[in-house]
Amino acid sequence: DDWNRSVTEEENCALISIPSVHDDSLAPENHAVLHIYTPATERYERWENVKRNSPEYKQLKEERSTFLWSVLEKVIPDIRERSVHHQVGTPLTHQRFLNRHRGTYGPAIYAGEASFPFPNTPVKNLLMCGDSCFPGIGVPAVAGSGLIAANSVSLD
């Protein structure tokens, strides 16, 4: 949003993917699946003492999703009217359903200091894929990670 701020700051960067563009079986006819998320900039501390399904939790989810809606409305102005179903995930969602420590969204790897590993491992015929491998976190990157691993099998 603001090129003078870092992408690591809260509410300054969002990533959007629409996987149903490439696979129309992911959504009913004349519909699409859209995923928008911030790149691991949501602080867990904000959520750690909030009880899931409490009024406070629901209010905080609503408040924290306003940034994502505002980003979407820049691209698709009438997105709220067109949305048939939406879900808001939080660090508590990631902790509960993905078993992620403190609701993380992939590993903390800093550009210029380290990089995501490629799929190969020291174990013969074992490859890795997912948000802890190249190219990194998020639905598009994880899908790419799977493609890299699959293509690596054909190279062996």
C-alpha atoms as a PDB file:
ATOM      1  CA  ASP A   1       0.000   0.000   0.000  1.00  0.00           C
ATOM      2  CA  ASP A   2       2.755   2.410   0.985  1.00  0.00           C
ATOM      3  CA  TRP A   3       6.032   1.926  -0.866  1.00  0.00           C
ATOM      4  CA  ASN A   4       7.846   3.949   1.803  1.00  0.00           C
ATOM      5  CA  ARG A   5       7.053   1.259   4.393  1.00  0.00           C
ATOM      6  CA  SER A   6       8.493  -2.239   4.586  1.00  0.00           C
ATOM      7  CA  VAL A   7       6.436  -5.205   3.406  1.00  0.00           C
ATOM      8  CA  THR A   8       7.119  -6.693   6.837  1.00  0.00           C
ATOM      9  CA  GLU A   9       5.004  -4.015   8.531  1.00  0.00           C
ATOM     10  CA  GLU A  10       1.424  -4.792   9.460  1.00  0.00           C
ATOM     11  CA  GLU A  11      -1.271  -3.817   6.992  1.00  0.00           C
ATOM     12  CA  ASN A  12       1.088  -2.814   4.219  1.00  0.00           C
ATOM     13  CA  CYS A  13       1.136  -5.854   1.966  1.00  0.00           C
ATOM     14  CA  ALA A  14      -1.366  -8.503   0.913  1.00  0.00           C
ATOM     15  CA  LEU A  15      -1.111 -11.349  -1.546  1.00  0.00           C
ATOM     16  CA  ILE A  16      -4.039 -12.496  -3.664  1.00  0.00           C
ATOM     17  CA  SER A  17      -4.418 -15.778  -5.498  1.00  0.00           C
ATOM     18  CA  ILE A  18      -7.370 -17.064  -7.485  1.00  0.00           C
ATOM     19  CA  PRO A  19      -6.608 -20.755  -7.997  1.00  0.00           C
ATOM     20  CA  SER A  20      -9.903 -21.464  -9.760  1.00  0.00           C
ATOM     21  CA  VAL A  21      -8.586 -19.478 -12.744  1.00  0.00           C
ATOM     22  CA  HIS A  22      -6.329 -22.456 -13.428  1.00  0.00           C
ATOM     23  CA  ASP A  23      -8.668 -25.193 -12.220  1.00  0.00           C
ATOM     24  CA  ASP A  24     -12.358 -24.437 -12.614  1.00  0.00           C
ATOM     25  CA  SER A  25     -13.279 -27.589 -10.669  1.00  0.00           C
ATOM     26  CA  LEU A  26     -12.351 -25.724  -7.469  1.00  0.00           C
ATOM     27  CA  ALA A  27     -15.520 -23.618  -7.528  1.00  0.00           C
ATOM     28  CA  PRO A  28     -19.116 -23.999  -8.726  1.00  0.00           C
ATOM     29  CA  GLU A  29     -19.910 -22.771 -12.235  1.00  0.00           C
ATOM     30  CA  ASN A  30     -19.797 -18.952 -12.536  1.00  0.00           C
ATOM     31  CA  HIS A  31     -17.951 -18.695  -9.210  1.00  0.00           C
ATOM     32  CA  ALA A  32     -14.301 -18.453  -8.174  1.00  0.00           C
ATOM     33  CA  VAL A  33     -12.087 -19.207  -5.211  1.00  0.00           C
ATOM     34  CA  LEU A  34     -10.060 -16.247  -4.022  1.00  0.00           C
ATOM     35  CA  HIS A  35      -7.456 -16.358  -1.257  1.00  0.00           C
ATOM     36  CA  ILE A  36      -5.993 -13.181   0.216  1.00  0.00           C
ATOM     37  CA  TYR A  37      -3.538 -13.042   3.056  1.00  0.00           C
ATOM     38  CA  THR A  38      -0.873 -10.923   4.662  1.00  0.00           C
ATOM     39  CA  PRO A  39       2.684 -12.281   4.454  1.00  0.00           C
ATOM     40  CA  ALA A  40       3.111 -13.393   8.073  1.00  0.00           C
ATOM     41  CA  THR A  41       2.792  -9.892   9.510  1.00  0.00           C
ATOM     42  CA  GLU A  42      -0.042 -10.536  11.972  1.00  0.00           C
ATOM     43  CA  ARG A  43       1.345 -10.473  15.521  1.00  0.00           C
ATOM     44  CA  TYR A  44       0.423 -13.515  17.608  1.00  0.00           C
ATOM     45  CA  GLU A  45       0.504 -11.465  20.808  1.00  0.00           C
ATOM     46  CA  ARG A  46      -2.698  -9.742  19.727  1.00  0.00           C
ATOM     47  CA  TRP A  47      -4.479 -13.116  19.717  1.00  0.00           C
ATOM     48  CA  GLU A  48      -2.816 -15.282  22.356  1.00  0.00           C
ATOM     49  CA  ASN A  49      -5.162 -14.426  25.245  1.00  0.00           C
ATOM     50  CA  VAL A  50      -8.354 -14.278  23.190  1.00  0.00           C
ATOM     51  CA  LYS A  51     -10.765 -17.198  23.544  1.00  0.00           C
ATOM     52  CA  ARG A  52     -11.841 -18.744  20.262  1.00  0.00           C
ATOM     53  CA  ASN A  53     -15.539 -18.192  19.428  1.00  0.00           C
ATOM     54  CA  SER A  54     -15.864 -15.474  22.072  1.00  0.00           C
ATOM     55  CA  PRO A  55     -17.480 -12.150  21.119  1.00  0.00           C
ATOM     56  CA  GLU A  56     -14.023 -10.556  21.509  1.00  0.00           C
ATOM     57  CA  TYR A  57     -12.550 -13.070  19.027  1.00  0.00           C
ATOM     58  CA  LYS A  58     -15.300 -12.480  16.476  1.00  0.00           C
ATOM     59  CA  GLN A  59     -14.882  -8.700  16.812  1.00  0.00           C
ATOM     60  CA  LEU A  60     -11.108  -8.922  16.442  1.00  0.00           C
ATOM     61  CA  LYS A  61     -11.466 -11.105  13.333  1.00  0.00           C
ATOM     62  CA  GLU A  62     -13.820  -8.512  11.840  1.00  0.00           C
ATOM     63  CA  GLU A  63     -11.459  -5.643  12.680  1.00  0.00           C
ATOM     64  CA  ARG A  64      -8.345  -7.408  11.383  1.00  0.00           C
ATOM     65  CA  SER A  65     -10.042  -8.427   8.114  1.00  0.00           C
ATOM     66  CA  THR A  66     -10.883  -4.825   7.143  1.00  0.00           C
ATOM     67  CA  PHE A  67      -7.409  -4.332   5.658  1.00  0.00           C
ATOM     68  CA  LEU A  68      -7.839  -7.383   3.416  1.00  0.00           C
ATOM     69  CA  TRP A  69     -11.289  -6.243   2.290  1.00  0.00           C
ATOM     70  CA  SER A  70      -9.897  -2.773   1.477  1.00  0.00           C
ATOM     71  CA  VAL A  71      -7.147  -4.324  -0.656  1.00  0.00           C
ATOM     72  CA  LEU A  72      -9.658  -6.518  -2.486  1.00  0.00           C
ATOM     73  CA  GLU A  73     -11.957  -3.549  -3.105  1.00  0.00           C
ATOM     74  CA  LYS A  74      -9.108  -1.771  -4.934  1.00  0.00           C
ATOM     75  CA  VAL A  75      -8.999  -4.683  -7.383  1.00  0.00           C
ATOM     76  CA  ILE A  76     -12.658  -5.770  -7.345  1.00  0.00           C
ATOM     77  CA  PRO A  77     -14.717  -2.776  -6.108  1.00  0.00           C
ATOM     78  CA  ASP A  78     -17.934  -4.748  -5.534  1.00  0.00           C
ATOM     79  CA  ILE A  79     -16.288  -7.811  -3.959  1.00  0.00           C
ATOM     80  CA  ARG A  80     -18.339  -7.679  -0.759  1.00  0.00           C
ATOM     81  CA  GLU A  81     -21.599  -7.765  -2.719  1.00  0.00           C
ATOM     82  CA  ARG A  82     -20.323 -10.565  -4.943  1.00  0.00           C
ATOM     83  CA  SER A  83     -18.909 -12.704  -2.147  1.00  0.00           C
ATOM     84  CA  VAL A  84     -21.050 -15.791  -1.561  1.00  0.00           C
ATOM     85  CA  HIS A  85     -18.978 -17.213   1.278  1.00  0.00           C
ATOM     86  CA  HIS A  86     -15.907 -15.994   3.133  1.00  0.00           C
ATOM     87  CA  GLN A  87     -13.815 -17.219   6.025  1.00  0.00           C
ATOM     88  CA  VAL A  88     -11.287 -15.290   8.064  1.00  0.00           C
ATOM     89  CA  GLY A  89      -8.297 -17.198   9.367  1.00  0.00           C
ATOM     90  CA  THR A  90      -6.227 -15.996  12.295  1.00  0.00           C
ATOM     91  CA  PRO A  91      -3.029 -17.115  13.974  1.00  0.00           C
ATOM     92  CA  LEU A  92      -5.301 -19.146  16.289  1.00  0.00           C
ATOM     93  CA  THR A  93      -6.822 -20.816  13.214  1.00  0.00           C
ATOM     94  CA  HIS A  94      -3.347 -21.796  12.002  1.00  0.00           C
ATOM     95  CA  GLN A  95      -2.392 -23.006  15.444  1.00  0.00           C
ATOM     96  CA  ARG A  96      -5.514 -25.154  15.780  1.00  0.00           C
ATOM     97  CA  PHE A  97      -5.948 -26.607  12.303  1.00  0.00           C
ATOM     98  CA  LEU A  98      -2.376 -26.583  10.980  1.00  0.00           C
ATOM     99  CA  ASN A  99      -0.624 -27.269  14.293  1.00  0.00           C
ATOM    100  CA  ARG A 100       1.617 -24.253  13.673  1.00  0.00           C
ATOM    101  CA  HIS A 101       3.616 -22.846  16.587  1.00  0.00           C
ATOM    102  CA  ARG A 102       2.051 -19.551  17.661  1.00  0.00           C
ATOM    103  CA  GLY A 103      -0.010 -19.560  14.463  1.00  0.00           C
ATOM    104  CA  THR A 104       2.968 -19.032  12.178  1.00  0.00           C
ATOM    105  CA  TYR A 105       2.520 -18.884   8.447  1.00  0.00           C
ATOM    106  CA  GLY A 106       5.660 -20.607   7.332  1.00  0.00           C
ATOM    107  CA  PRO A 107       9.215 -20.186   8.573  1.00  0.00           C
ATOM    108  CA  ALA A 108      10.863 -16.828   9.254  1.00  0.00           C
ATOM    109  CA  ILE A 109      13.447 -16.703   6.491  1.00  0.00           C
ATOM    110  CA  TYR A 110      14.788 -13.243   5.748  1.00  0.00           C
ATOM    111  CA  ALA A 111      15.743 -12.254   2.199  1.00  0.00           C
ATOM    112  CA  GLY A 112      19.466 -11.774   1.843  1.00  0.00           C
ATOM    113  CA  GLU A 113      20.205 -13.771   5.009  1.00  0.00           C
ATOM    114  CA  ALA A 114      18.934 -17.229   4.077  1.00  0.00           C
ATOM    115  CA  SER A 115      16.765 -18.971   1.525  1.00  0.00           C
ATOM    116  CA  PHE A 116      14.164 -21.693   1.442  1.00  0.00           C
ATOM    117  CA  PRO A 117      15.617 -25.156   0.838  1.00  0.00           C
ATOM    118  CA  PHE A 118      14.933 -27.026  -2.368  1.00  0.00           C
ATOM    119  CA  PRO A 119      13.086 -30.368  -2.309  1.00  0.00           C
ATOM    120  CA  ASN A 120      16.084 -32.686  -2.189  1.00  0.00           C
ATOM    121  CA  THR A 121      17.077 -34.371   1.097  1.00  0.00           C
ATOM    122  CA  PRO A 122      19.958 -36.605   2.192  1.00  0.00           C
ATOM    123  CA  VAL A 123      17.511 -39.542   2.237  1.00  0.00           C
ATOM    124  CA  LYS A 124      17.416 -41.378  -1.092  1.00  0.00           C
ATOM    125  CA  ASN A 125      14.079 -40.987  -2.924  1.00  0.00           C
ATOM    126  CA  LEU A 126      12.692 -38.571  -0.296  1.00  0.00           C
ATOM    127  CA  LEU A 127      11.730 -35.093  -1.435  1.00  0.00           C
ATOM    128  CA  MET A 128      10.103 -32.248   0.481  1.00  0.00           C
ATOM    129  CA  CYS A 129       7.454 -29.756  -0.484  1.00  0.00           C
ATOM    130  CA  GLY A 130       5.335 -27.228   1.385  1.00  0.00           C
ATOM    131  CA  ASP A 131       5.647 -23.802   2.948  1.00  0.00           C
ATOM    132  CA  SER A 132       9.049 -24.617   4.466  1.00  0.00           C
ATOM    133  CA  CYS A 133      10.578 -25.235   1.019  1.00  0.00           C
ATOM    134  CA  PHE A 134      11.323 -23.063  -1.990  1.00  0.00           C
ATOM    135  CA  PRO A 135       9.536 -20.885  -3.089  1.00  0.00           C
ATOM    136  CA  GLY A 136       8.014 -20.313   0.368  1.00  0.00           C
ATOM    137  CA  ILE A 137       4.767 -19.491   2.141  1.00  0.00           C
ATOM    138  CA  GLY A 138       1.280 -19.012   0.728  1.00  0.00           C
ATOM    139  CA  VAL A 139      -0.992 -21.042  -1.504  1.00  0.00           C
ATOM    140  CA  PRO A 140       0.721 -20.181  -4.826  1.00  0.00           C
ATOM    141  CA  ALA A 141       4.203 -20.821  -3.431  1.00  0.00           C
ATOM    142  CA  VAL A 142       3.197 -24.121  -1.814  1.00  0.00           C
ATOM    143  CA  ALA A 143       1.618 -25.270  -5.076  1.00  0.00           C
ATOM    144  CA  GLY A 144       4.853 -24.308  -6.835  1.00  0.00           C
ATOM    145  CA  SER A 145       6.806 -26.274  -4.244  1.00  0.00           C
ATOM    146  CA  GLY A 146       4.744 -29.358  -5.074  1.00  0.00           C
ATOM    147  CA  LEU A 147       5.394 -28.877  -8.793  1.00  0.00           C
ATOM    148  CA  ILE A 148       9.132 -28.546  -8.189  1.00  0.00           C
ATOM    149  CA  ALA A 149       9.168 -31.739  -6.123  1.00  0.00           C
ATOM    150  CA  ALA A 150       7.091 -33.595  -8.734  1.00  0.00           C
ATOM    151  CA  ASN A 151       9.364 -32.434 -11.543  1.00  0.00           C
ATOM    152  CA  SER A 152      12.416 -33.393  -9.478  1.00  0.00           C
ATOM    153  CA  VAL A 153      11.166 -36.983  -9.353  1.00  0.00           C
ATOM    154  CA  SER A 154      11.363 -37.147 -13.130  1.00  0.00           C
ATOM    155  CA  LEU A 155      14.982 -35.933 -12.977  1.00  0.00           C
ATOM    156  CA  ASP A 156      16.164 -38.736 -10.695  1.00  0.00           C
END
